[in-house]
């Protein structure tokens, strides 16, 4: 049901139109009618923009919550991240070269072990390898993806805390009090 629009120069819009003509041809009928009813009969264009602004503010707040939780709960020698500038996903890089099994286990096995340990702790993050274009070629880096779109702040914090705990166990890192530091 995805549909959208573009604001761009005439040349760029023309290329999008040509691509659409030879690929999808047009958005699905249900998508078109839902968008029409929403923009023309319910919210109006101004109401839609107000919704987008509110959504952006909410996502920014939740993004800030997940970043704060990462600072508090993830072992910094192992985990790193960049603040998302848009969207609803947060990618966490894990330095798998510091894992005790590095050199004896391949990246995908270590990634799977961390994933399963996280699930056992009651949190669910997506393995970065699931998003690779070329399956079977893990690359050199390990990532986990999480979302902050729908969970309330306390659940975001608890999920990251659980992921941090799973990382510490997997890497054999002693956990200190509550601030995410390691010893």
N, C-alpha and C. Protein backbone atom coordinates (compact mmCIF):
# COMPACT_ATOMS: atom_id res chain seq x y z
N UNK A 1 0.82 -1.20 0.00
CA UNK A 1 0.00 0.00 0.00
C UNK A 1 0.86 1.26 0.00
N UNK A 2 2.14 1.14 -0.30
CA UNK A 2 3.02 2.32 -0.29
C UNK A 2 2.73 3.22 -1.48
N UNK A 3 2.74 4.49 -1.18
CA UNK A 3 2.61 5.52 -2.21
C UNK A 3 3.32 6.75 -1.70
N UNK A 4 3.54 7.71 -2.54
CA UNK A 4 4.24 8.91 -2.10
C UNK A 4 4.28 9.93 -3.20
N UNK A 5 5.04 10.97 -2.99
CA UNK A 5 5.22 11.99 -4.00
C UNK A 5 6.62 12.55 -3.88
N UNK A 6 6.99 13.30 -4.88
CA UNK A 6 8.33 13.86 -4.92
C UNK A 6 8.24 15.34 -5.25
N UNK A 7 9.10 16.09 -4.65
CA UNK A 7 9.27 17.50 -4.99
C UNK A 7 10.70 17.63 -5.48
N UNK A 8 10.84 17.95 -6.75
CA UNK A 8 12.18 18.01 -7.34
C UNK A 8 12.13 18.84 -8.62
N UNK A 9 13.29 18.96 -9.25
CA UNK A 9 13.35 19.67 -10.52
C UNK A 9 12.56 18.90 -11.57
N UNK A 10 12.18 19.59 -12.62
CA UNK A 10 11.39 18.98 -13.70
C UNK A 10 12.08 17.76 -14.30
N UNK A 11 13.41 17.82 -14.44
CA UNK A 11 14.16 16.72 -15.02
C UNK A 11 14.13 15.47 -14.12
N UNK A 12 14.25 15.67 -12.82
CA UNK A 12 14.22 14.55 -11.89
C UNK A 12 12.82 13.94 -11.84
N UNK A 13 11.80 14.78 -11.77
CA UNK A 13 10.42 14.28 -11.75
C UNK A 13 10.14 13.47 -13.02
N UNK A 14 10.61 13.96 -14.15
CA UNK A 14 10.39 13.25 -15.43
C UNK A 14 11.00 11.85 -15.38
N UNK A 15 12.17 11.71 -14.80
CA UNK A 15 12.82 10.39 -14.69
C UNK A 15 12.01 9.45 -13.79
N UNK A 16 11.48 9.99 -12.69
CA UNK A 16 10.64 9.18 -11.81
C UNK A 16 9.37 8.72 -12.54
N UNK A 17 8.76 9.62 -13.29
CA UNK A 17 7.55 9.27 -14.03
C UNK A 17 7.87 8.16 -15.04
N UNK A 18 8.96 8.30 -15.78
CA UNK A 18 9.33 7.27 -16.77
C UNK A 18 9.59 5.92 -16.09
N UNK A 19 10.30 5.94 -14.97
CA UNK A 19 10.57 4.70 -14.24
C UNK A 19 9.26 4.06 -13.77
N UNK A 20 8.36 4.86 -13.26
CA UNK A 20 7.07 4.36 -12.79
C UNK A 20 6.26 3.75 -13.93
N UNK A 21 6.31 4.38 -15.10
CA UNK A 21 5.57 3.87 -16.26
C UNK A 21 6.01 2.48 -16.69
N UNK A 22 7.29 2.16 -16.48
CA UNK A 22 7.78 0.85 -16.93
C UNK A 22 7.98 -0.12 -15.77
N UNK A 23 7.64 0.26 -14.56
CA UNK A 23 7.78 -0.66 -13.43
C UNK A 23 6.42 -0.90 -12.78
N UNK A 24 6.01 -0.05 -11.87
CA UNK A 24 4.76 -0.27 -11.16
C UNK A 24 3.56 0.28 -11.90
N UNK A 25 3.74 1.15 -12.82
CA UNK A 25 2.74 1.82 -13.64
C UNK A 25 1.90 2.82 -12.85
N UNK A 26 1.40 2.44 -11.69
CA UNK A 26 0.65 3.37 -10.85
C UNK A 26 0.50 2.76 -9.47
N UNK A 27 0.27 3.59 -8.44
CA UNK A 27 0.05 3.02 -7.11
C UNK A 27 -1.23 2.18 -7.10
N UNK A 28 -1.32 1.30 -6.15
CA UNK A 28 -2.50 0.44 -6.02
C UNK A 28 -3.74 1.29 -5.78
N UNK A 29 -4.85 0.82 -6.26
CA UNK A 29 -6.12 1.53 -6.09
C UNK A 29 -6.44 1.85 -4.64
N UNK A 30 -6.33 0.86 -3.73
CA UNK A 30 -6.62 1.17 -2.32
C UNK A 30 -5.73 2.29 -1.77
N UNK A 31 -4.45 2.29 -2.16
CA UNK A 31 -3.56 3.36 -1.70
C UNK A 31 -4.03 4.71 -2.18
N UNK A 32 -4.43 4.77 -3.44
CA UNK A 32 -4.88 6.04 -4.00
C UNK A 32 -6.14 6.55 -3.31
N UNK A 33 -7.10 5.67 -3.08
CA UNK A 33 -8.36 6.12 -2.47
C UNK A 33 -8.17 6.51 -1.01
N UNK A 34 -7.32 5.77 -0.29
CA UNK A 34 -7.04 6.12 1.11
C UNK A 34 -6.38 7.49 1.18
N UNK A 35 -5.40 7.73 0.34
CA UNK A 35 -4.72 9.02 0.32
C UNK A 35 -5.68 10.15 -0.07
N UNK A 36 -6.50 9.90 -1.08
CA UNK A 36 -7.46 10.90 -1.50
C UNK A 36 -8.43 11.24 -0.36
N UNK A 37 -9.02 10.23 0.24
CA UNK A 37 -9.98 10.45 1.32
C UNK A 37 -9.33 11.20 2.49
N UNK A 38 -8.11 10.81 2.82
CA UNK A 38 -7.40 11.43 3.93
C UNK A 38 -7.09 12.90 3.64
N UNK A 39 -6.51 13.16 2.47
CA UNK A 39 -6.05 14.52 2.15
C UNK A 39 -7.17 15.45 1.69
N UNK A 40 -8.15 14.93 1.01
CA UNK A 40 -9.19 15.80 0.45
C UNK A 40 -10.45 15.88 1.31
N UNK A 41 -10.75 14.80 2.06
CA UNK A 41 -12.03 14.80 2.77
C UNK A 41 -11.90 14.78 4.29
N UNK A 42 -10.79 14.32 4.83
CA UNK A 42 -10.66 14.20 6.28
C UNK A 42 -9.73 15.29 6.83
N UNK A 43 -8.44 15.05 6.79
CA UNK A 43 -7.47 15.96 7.38
C UNK A 43 -7.24 17.22 6.57
N UNK A 44 -7.23 17.07 5.27
CA UNK A 44 -6.77 18.16 4.41
C UNK A 44 -5.26 18.16 4.39
N UNK A 45 -4.67 18.93 3.50
CA UNK A 45 -3.22 18.97 3.40
C UNK A 45 -2.58 19.56 4.65
N UNK A 46 -3.22 20.59 5.22
CA UNK A 46 -2.70 21.18 6.46
C UNK A 46 -2.73 20.20 7.62
N UNK A 47 -3.80 19.44 7.72
CA UNK A 47 -3.89 18.43 8.78
C UNK A 47 -2.83 17.35 8.63
N UNK A 48 -2.55 16.98 7.38
CA UNK A 48 -1.51 15.98 7.13
C UNK A 48 -0.14 16.52 7.55
N UNK A 49 0.14 17.79 7.21
CA UNK A 49 1.40 18.39 7.61
C UNK A 49 1.51 18.49 9.14
N UNK A 50 0.41 18.82 9.80
CA UNK A 50 0.41 18.85 11.27
C UNK A 50 0.73 17.46 11.84
N UNK A 51 0.16 16.42 11.24
CA UNK A 51 0.42 15.05 11.69
C UNK A 51 1.90 14.70 11.51
N UNK A 52 2.45 15.08 10.34
CA UNK A 52 3.87 14.82 10.09
C UNK A 52 4.77 15.54 11.08
N UNK A 53 4.45 16.78 11.40
CA UNK A 53 5.25 17.53 12.36
C UNK A 53 5.19 16.86 13.73
N UNK A 54 3.99 16.45 14.15
CA UNK A 54 3.85 15.77 15.43
C UNK A 54 4.62 14.44 15.43
N UNK A 55 4.54 13.71 14.32
CA UNK A 55 5.26 12.44 14.21
C UNK A 55 6.77 12.67 14.32
N UNK A 56 7.26 13.69 13.66
CA UNK A 56 8.69 14.01 13.73
C UNK A 56 9.11 14.33 15.16
N UNK A 57 8.32 15.13 15.86
CA UNK A 57 8.63 15.47 17.25
C UNK A 57 8.63 14.23 18.13
N UNK A 58 7.66 13.35 17.93
CA UNK A 58 7.58 12.12 18.73
C UNK A 58 8.76 11.20 18.43
N UNK A 59 9.10 11.04 17.17
CA UNK A 59 10.25 10.19 16.82
C UNK A 59 11.55 10.78 17.35
N UNK A 60 11.68 12.09 17.32
CA UNK A 60 12.89 12.73 17.86
C UNK A 60 13.00 12.45 19.36
N UNK A 61 11.90 12.55 20.07
CA UNK A 61 11.90 12.27 21.51
C UNK A 61 12.29 10.82 21.77
N UNK A 62 11.70 9.90 21.01
CA UNK A 62 12.02 8.48 21.20
C UNK A 62 13.45 8.16 20.78
N UNK A 63 13.91 8.82 19.72
CA UNK A 63 15.31 8.65 19.32
C UNK A 63 16.25 9.09 20.43
N UNK A 64 15.94 10.21 21.04
CA UNK A 64 16.77 10.69 22.14
C UNK A 64 16.74 9.72 23.32
N UNK A 65 15.58 9.11 23.55
CA UNK A 65 15.47 8.11 24.62
C UNK A 65 16.37 6.92 24.33
N UNK A 66 16.35 6.41 23.10
CA UNK A 66 17.17 5.23 22.79
C UNK A 66 18.66 5.58 22.86
N UNK A 67 19.03 6.77 22.44
CA UNK A 67 20.43 7.18 22.52
C UNK A 67 20.88 7.27 23.98
N UNK A 68 20.04 7.84 24.82
CA UNK A 68 20.35 7.93 26.25
C UNK A 68 20.46 6.52 26.85
N UNK A 69 19.57 5.63 26.47
CA UNK A 69 19.61 4.25 26.96
C UNK A 69 20.88 3.54 26.51
N UNK A 70 21.30 3.77 25.27
CA UNK A 70 22.55 3.17 24.78
C UNK A 70 23.73 3.67 25.59
N UNK A 71 23.76 4.97 25.86
CA UNK A 71 24.84 5.53 26.67
C UNK A 71 24.89 4.90 28.05
N UNK A 72 23.72 4.63 28.61
CA UNK A 72 23.64 4.10 29.97
C UNK A 72 23.85 2.60 30.07
N UNK A 73 23.50 1.85 29.04
CA UNK A 73 23.43 0.39 29.19
C UNK A 73 24.37 -0.43 28.30
N UNK A 74 24.91 0.15 27.26
CA UNK A 74 25.73 -0.66 26.35
C UNK A 74 27.22 -0.51 26.68
N UNK A 75 27.96 -1.61 26.58
CA UNK A 75 29.40 -1.54 26.84
C UNK A 75 30.12 -0.82 25.70
N UNK A 76 30.62 0.37 25.97
CA UNK A 76 31.23 1.21 24.93
C UNK A 76 32.46 0.59 24.27
N UNK A 77 33.24 -0.24 24.93
CA UNK A 77 34.36 -0.85 24.20
C UNK A 77 33.88 -1.80 23.09
N UNK A 78 32.64 -2.25 23.18
CA UNK A 78 32.09 -3.23 22.24
C UNK A 78 31.09 -2.60 21.28
N UNK A 79 30.22 -1.73 21.79
CA UNK A 79 29.10 -1.19 21.01
C UNK A 79 29.33 0.27 20.67
N UNK A 80 28.98 0.64 19.44
CA UNK A 80 29.04 2.03 19.02
C UNK A 80 27.86 2.32 18.10
N UNK A 81 27.55 3.58 17.92
CA UNK A 81 26.40 3.96 17.10
C UNK A 81 26.50 5.42 16.73
N UNK A 82 25.78 5.77 15.69
CA UNK A 82 25.61 7.15 15.28
C UNK A 82 24.14 7.49 15.47
N UNK A 83 23.86 8.68 15.91
CA UNK A 83 22.47 9.11 16.10
C UNK A 83 21.76 9.14 14.76
N UNK A 84 20.61 8.48 14.65
CA UNK A 84 19.85 8.56 13.40
C UNK A 84 19.37 9.99 13.15
N UNK A 85 19.49 10.43 11.93
CA UNK A 85 19.07 11.79 11.58
C UNK A 85 17.59 11.83 11.16
N UNK A 86 17.05 10.68 10.81
CA UNK A 86 15.64 10.60 10.40
C UNK A 86 15.21 9.14 10.53
N UNK A 87 13.95 8.91 10.34
CA UNK A 87 13.44 7.55 10.35
C UNK A 87 13.10 7.05 11.74
N UNK A 88 12.99 5.72 11.85
CA UNK A 88 12.56 5.11 13.11
C UNK A 88 13.44 3.93 13.52
N UNK A 89 14.60 3.80 12.90
CA UNK A 89 15.50 2.70 13.21
C UNK A 89 16.82 3.22 13.76
N UNK A 90 17.41 2.41 14.64
CA UNK A 90 18.69 2.75 15.25
C UNK A 90 19.61 1.54 15.04
N UNK A 91 20.76 1.78 14.43
CA UNK A 91 21.73 0.73 14.16
C UNK A 91 22.85 0.78 15.20
N UNK A 92 23.17 -0.37 15.76
CA UNK A 92 24.23 -0.48 16.76
C UNK A 92 25.31 -1.38 16.19
N UNK A 93 26.52 -0.87 16.12
CA UNK A 93 27.66 -1.64 15.62
C UNK A 93 28.30 -2.37 16.80
N UNK A 94 28.59 -3.64 16.61
CA UNK A 94 29.22 -4.45 17.64
C UNK A 94 30.60 -4.86 17.13
N UNK A 95 31.63 -4.57 17.90
CA UNK A 95 32.99 -4.92 17.52
C UNK A 95 33.24 -6.39 17.84
N UNK A 96 32.93 -7.21 16.89
CA UNK A 96 33.01 -8.66 17.10
C UNK A 96 34.44 -9.16 17.19
N UNK A 97 35.40 -8.31 16.81
CA UNK A 97 36.81 -8.73 16.91
C UNK A 97 37.26 -8.83 18.37
N UNK A 98 36.46 -8.30 19.29
CA UNK A 98 36.77 -8.40 20.71
C UNK A 98 36.06 -9.57 21.39
N UNK A 99 35.31 -10.34 20.60
CA UNK A 99 34.59 -11.50 21.14
C UNK A 99 35.58 -12.62 21.45
N UNK A 100 35.39 -13.35 22.55
CA UNK A 100 36.31 -14.44 22.90
C UNK A 100 36.46 -15.51 21.82
N UNK A 101 35.43 -15.69 20.98
CA UNK A 101 35.51 -16.71 19.93
C UNK A 101 35.99 -16.16 18.60
N UNK A 102 36.41 -14.88 18.56
CA UNK A 102 36.90 -14.30 17.32
C UNK A 102 38.11 -15.11 16.83
N UNK A 103 38.08 -15.46 15.58
CA UNK A 103 39.16 -16.27 15.00
C UNK A 103 38.81 -17.74 14.94
N UNK A 104 37.95 -18.19 15.87
CA UNK A 104 37.56 -19.61 15.84
C UNK A 104 36.12 -19.78 15.37
N UNK A 105 35.33 -18.71 15.40
CA UNK A 105 33.94 -18.75 14.93
C UNK A 105 33.75 -17.65 13.90
N UNK A 106 32.97 -17.92 12.86
CA UNK A 106 32.72 -16.86 11.88
C UNK A 106 31.75 -15.80 12.42
N UNK A 107 31.77 -14.64 11.80
CA UNK A 107 30.93 -13.51 12.19
C UNK A 107 29.47 -13.92 12.34
N UNK A 108 28.91 -14.62 11.36
CA UNK A 108 27.49 -14.95 11.40
C UNK A 108 27.13 -15.84 12.59
N UNK A 109 28.02 -16.70 13.01
CA UNK A 109 27.77 -17.55 14.18
C UNK A 109 27.77 -16.72 15.45
N UNK A 110 28.73 -15.83 15.57
CA UNK A 110 28.79 -14.96 16.75
C UNK A 110 27.57 -14.05 16.78
N UNK A 111 27.20 -13.51 15.63
CA UNK A 111 26.01 -12.67 15.54
C UNK A 111 24.77 -13.44 15.99
N UNK A 112 24.64 -14.67 15.53
CA UNK A 112 23.50 -15.49 15.90
C UNK A 112 23.50 -15.80 17.40
N UNK A 113 24.65 -16.06 17.98
CA UNK A 113 24.75 -16.31 19.42
C UNK A 113 24.27 -15.09 20.21
N UNK A 114 24.70 -13.90 19.79
CA UNK A 114 24.29 -12.66 20.46
C UNK A 114 22.78 -12.46 20.29
N UNK A 115 22.28 -12.70 19.09
CA UNK A 115 20.85 -12.56 18.82
C UNK A 115 20.04 -13.47 19.75
N UNK A 116 20.43 -14.75 19.83
CA UNK A 116 19.70 -15.70 20.66
C UNK A 116 19.79 -15.34 22.14
N UNK A 117 20.95 -14.87 22.59
CA UNK A 117 21.10 -14.46 23.99
C UNK A 117 20.20 -13.26 24.29
N UNK A 118 20.08 -12.36 23.35
CA UNK A 118 19.22 -11.19 23.53
C UNK A 118 17.76 -11.61 23.61
N UNK A 119 17.35 -12.53 22.74
CA UNK A 119 15.97 -13.03 22.76
C UNK A 119 15.69 -13.72 24.10
N UNK A 120 16.65 -14.52 24.57
CA UNK A 120 16.48 -15.19 25.86
C UNK A 120 16.29 -14.19 27.00
N UNK A 121 16.84 -13.01 26.86
CA UNK A 121 16.70 -11.97 27.88
C UNK A 121 15.41 -11.17 27.70
N UNK A 122 14.65 -11.48 26.66
CA UNK A 122 13.36 -10.84 26.46
C UNK A 122 13.38 -9.58 25.61
N UNK A 123 14.41 -9.41 24.80
CA UNK A 123 14.48 -8.27 23.88
C UNK A 123 14.66 -8.79 22.46
N UNK A 124 14.23 -8.02 21.50
CA UNK A 124 14.33 -8.44 20.11
C UNK A 124 14.91 -7.32 19.27
N UNK A 125 16.12 -7.55 18.78
CA UNK A 125 16.77 -6.66 17.83
C UNK A 125 17.00 -7.48 16.57
N UNK A 126 16.99 -6.85 15.44
CA UNK A 126 17.22 -7.56 14.18
C UNK A 126 18.71 -7.70 13.92
N UNK A 127 19.10 -8.86 13.41
CA UNK A 127 20.49 -9.06 13.01
C UNK A 127 20.77 -8.22 11.76
N UNK A 128 21.90 -7.55 11.75
CA UNK A 128 22.26 -6.74 10.60
C UNK A 128 22.41 -7.55 9.32
N UNK A 129 22.82 -8.80 9.46
CA UNK A 129 23.02 -9.64 8.27
C UNK A 129 21.72 -9.87 7.52
N UNK A 130 20.59 -9.73 8.17
CA UNK A 130 19.31 -9.89 7.49
C UNK A 130 19.09 -8.82 6.43
N UNK A 131 19.82 -7.73 6.52
CA UNK A 131 19.60 -6.60 5.62
C UNK A 131 20.66 -6.50 4.53
N UNK A 132 21.55 -7.48 4.47
CA UNK A 132 22.60 -7.46 3.46
C UNK A 132 22.01 -7.83 2.10
N UNK A 133 22.44 -7.12 1.08
CA UNK A 133 21.96 -7.40 -0.28
C UNK A 133 22.46 -8.75 -0.77
N UNK A 134 23.69 -9.11 -0.40
CA UNK A 134 24.27 -10.37 -0.83
C UNK A 134 24.33 -11.32 0.36
N UNK A 135 23.32 -12.18 0.47
CA UNK A 135 23.30 -13.15 1.55
C UNK A 135 24.47 -14.10 1.41
N UNK A 136 25.02 -14.52 2.53
CA UNK A 136 26.16 -15.42 2.51
C UNK A 136 27.50 -14.70 2.50
N UNK A 137 27.47 -13.38 2.32
CA UNK A 137 28.67 -12.56 2.37
C UNK A 137 28.52 -11.59 3.55
N UNK A 138 28.97 -11.99 4.73
CA UNK A 138 28.68 -11.20 5.92
C UNK A 138 29.41 -9.87 6.01
N UNK A 139 30.37 -9.63 5.17
CA UNK A 139 31.14 -8.40 5.28
C UNK A 139 32.11 -8.49 6.45
N UNK A 140 32.52 -7.35 6.97
CA UNK A 140 33.51 -7.33 8.04
C UNK A 140 32.95 -6.77 9.34
N UNK A 141 31.78 -6.15 9.28
CA UNK A 141 31.22 -5.51 10.46
C UNK A 141 29.94 -6.21 10.91
N UNK A 142 29.65 -6.08 12.20
CA UNK A 142 28.45 -6.65 12.77
C UNK A 142 27.57 -5.52 13.29
N UNK A 143 26.30 -5.57 12.92
CA UNK A 143 25.33 -4.57 13.36
C UNK A 143 24.08 -5.26 13.86
N UNK A 144 23.36 -4.54 14.73
CA UNK A 144 22.02 -4.93 15.14
C UNK A 144 21.14 -3.71 14.95
N UNK A 145 19.90 -3.96 14.50
CA UNK A 145 18.97 -2.87 14.25
C UNK A 145 17.80 -2.96 15.22
N UNK A 146 17.43 -1.83 15.75
CA UNK A 146 16.26 -1.76 16.62
C UNK A 146 15.41 -0.58 16.17
N UNK A 147 14.19 -0.55 16.65
CA UNK A 147 13.30 0.55 16.31
C UNK A 147 12.83 1.25 17.57
N UNK A 148 12.52 2.50 17.44
CA UNK A 148 11.97 3.27 18.54
C UNK A 148 10.62 3.85 18.16
N UNK A 149 9.99 3.29 17.13
CA UNK A 149 8.77 3.87 16.58
C UNK A 149 7.56 3.74 17.49
N UNK A 150 7.38 2.60 18.10
CA UNK A 150 6.11 2.36 18.78
C UNK A 150 6.22 2.13 20.28
N UNK A 151 7.38 1.80 20.76
CA UNK A 151 7.52 1.45 22.18
C UNK A 151 7.57 2.71 23.05
N UNK A 152 6.97 2.64 24.23
CA UNK A 152 7.12 3.76 25.17
C UNK A 152 8.54 3.82 25.73
N UNK A 153 8.88 4.96 26.29
CA UNK A 153 10.25 5.21 26.77
C UNK A 153 10.77 4.12 27.70
N UNK A 154 9.94 3.67 28.65
CA UNK A 154 10.42 2.68 29.61
C UNK A 154 10.73 1.35 28.94
N UNK A 155 9.97 0.98 27.91
CA UNK A 155 10.25 -0.27 27.19
C UNK A 155 11.49 -0.14 26.31
N UNK A 156 11.70 1.03 25.74
CA UNK A 156 12.91 1.26 24.95
C UNK A 156 14.12 1.08 25.86
N UNK A 157 14.08 1.72 27.02
CA UNK A 157 15.20 1.65 27.96
C UNK A 157 15.43 0.20 28.42
N UNK A 158 14.37 -0.50 28.73
CA UNK A 158 14.50 -1.88 29.21
C UNK A 158 15.04 -2.79 28.11
N UNK A 159 14.60 -2.61 26.88
CA UNK A 159 15.10 -3.41 25.77
C UNK A 159 16.59 -3.22 25.55
N UNK A 160 17.04 -1.97 25.59
CA UNK A 160 18.47 -1.70 25.42
C UNK A 160 19.26 -2.23 26.60
N UNK A 161 18.71 -2.13 27.81
CA UNK A 161 19.39 -2.68 28.99
C UNK A 161 19.58 -4.18 28.82
N UNK A 162 18.57 -4.88 28.34
CA UNK A 162 18.65 -6.33 28.13
C UNK A 162 19.66 -6.67 27.04
N UNK A 163 19.68 -5.89 25.97
CA UNK A 163 20.66 -6.11 24.92
C UNK A 163 22.07 -5.91 25.47
N UNK A 164 22.26 -4.87 26.26
CA UNK A 164 23.56 -4.63 26.88
C UNK A 164 23.99 -5.78 27.77
N UNK A 165 23.06 -6.33 28.51
CA UNK A 165 23.36 -7.47 29.38
C UNK A 165 23.76 -8.69 28.54
N UNK A 166 23.04 -8.92 27.44
CA UNK A 166 23.39 -10.04 26.55
C UNK A 166 24.78 -9.84 25.94
N UNK A 167 25.11 -8.62 25.56
CA UNK A 167 26.44 -8.34 25.01
C UNK A 167 27.53 -8.60 26.04
N UNK A 168 27.31 -8.14 27.26
CA UNK A 168 28.31 -8.35 28.31
C UNK A 168 28.54 -9.84 28.55
N UNK A 169 27.46 -10.60 28.60
CA UNK A 169 27.61 -12.04 28.80
C UNK A 169 28.36 -12.68 27.63
N UNK A 170 27.98 -12.32 26.40
CA UNK A 170 28.60 -12.91 25.21
C UNK A 170 30.09 -12.59 25.13
N UNK A 171 30.48 -11.40 25.59
CA UNK A 171 31.87 -10.97 25.51
C UNK A 171 32.64 -11.21 26.81
N UNK A 172 31.96 -11.75 27.82
CA UNK A 172 32.62 -12.02 29.09
C UNK A 172 33.03 -10.77 29.83
N UNK A 173 32.19 -9.75 29.78
CA UNK A 173 32.48 -8.47 30.43
C UNK A 173 31.71 -8.39 31.74
N UNK A 174 32.40 -8.04 32.81
CA UNK A 174 31.75 -7.85 34.10
C UNK A 174 30.92 -6.58 34.05
N UNK A 175 29.72 -6.65 34.62
CA UNK A 175 28.82 -5.50 34.62
C UNK A 175 28.98 -4.72 35.91
N UNK A 176 29.08 -3.40 35.80
CA UNK A 176 29.11 -2.57 37.00
C UNK A 176 27.72 -2.01 37.24
N UNK A 177 27.52 -1.41 38.32
CA UNK A 177 26.25 -0.89 38.81
C UNK A 177 25.19 -0.67 37.72
N UNK A 178 24.94 0.55 37.31
CA UNK A 178 23.86 0.82 36.36
C UNK A 178 24.25 1.72 35.21
N UNK A 179 25.48 2.16 35.15
CA UNK A 179 25.82 3.17 34.16
C UNK A 179 26.43 2.63 32.88
N UNK A 180 26.41 1.31 32.70
CA UNK A 180 26.90 0.76 31.45
C UNK A 180 28.40 0.65 31.34
N UNK A 181 29.14 1.00 32.39
CA UNK A 181 30.59 0.88 32.30
C UNK A 181 30.99 -0.56 32.49
N UNK A 182 32.19 -0.87 32.09
CA UNK A 182 32.68 -2.24 32.17
C UNK A 182 33.94 -2.29 33.00
N UNK A 183 34.20 -3.48 33.48
CA UNK A 183 35.46 -3.68 34.20
C UNK A 183 36.07 -5.00 33.82
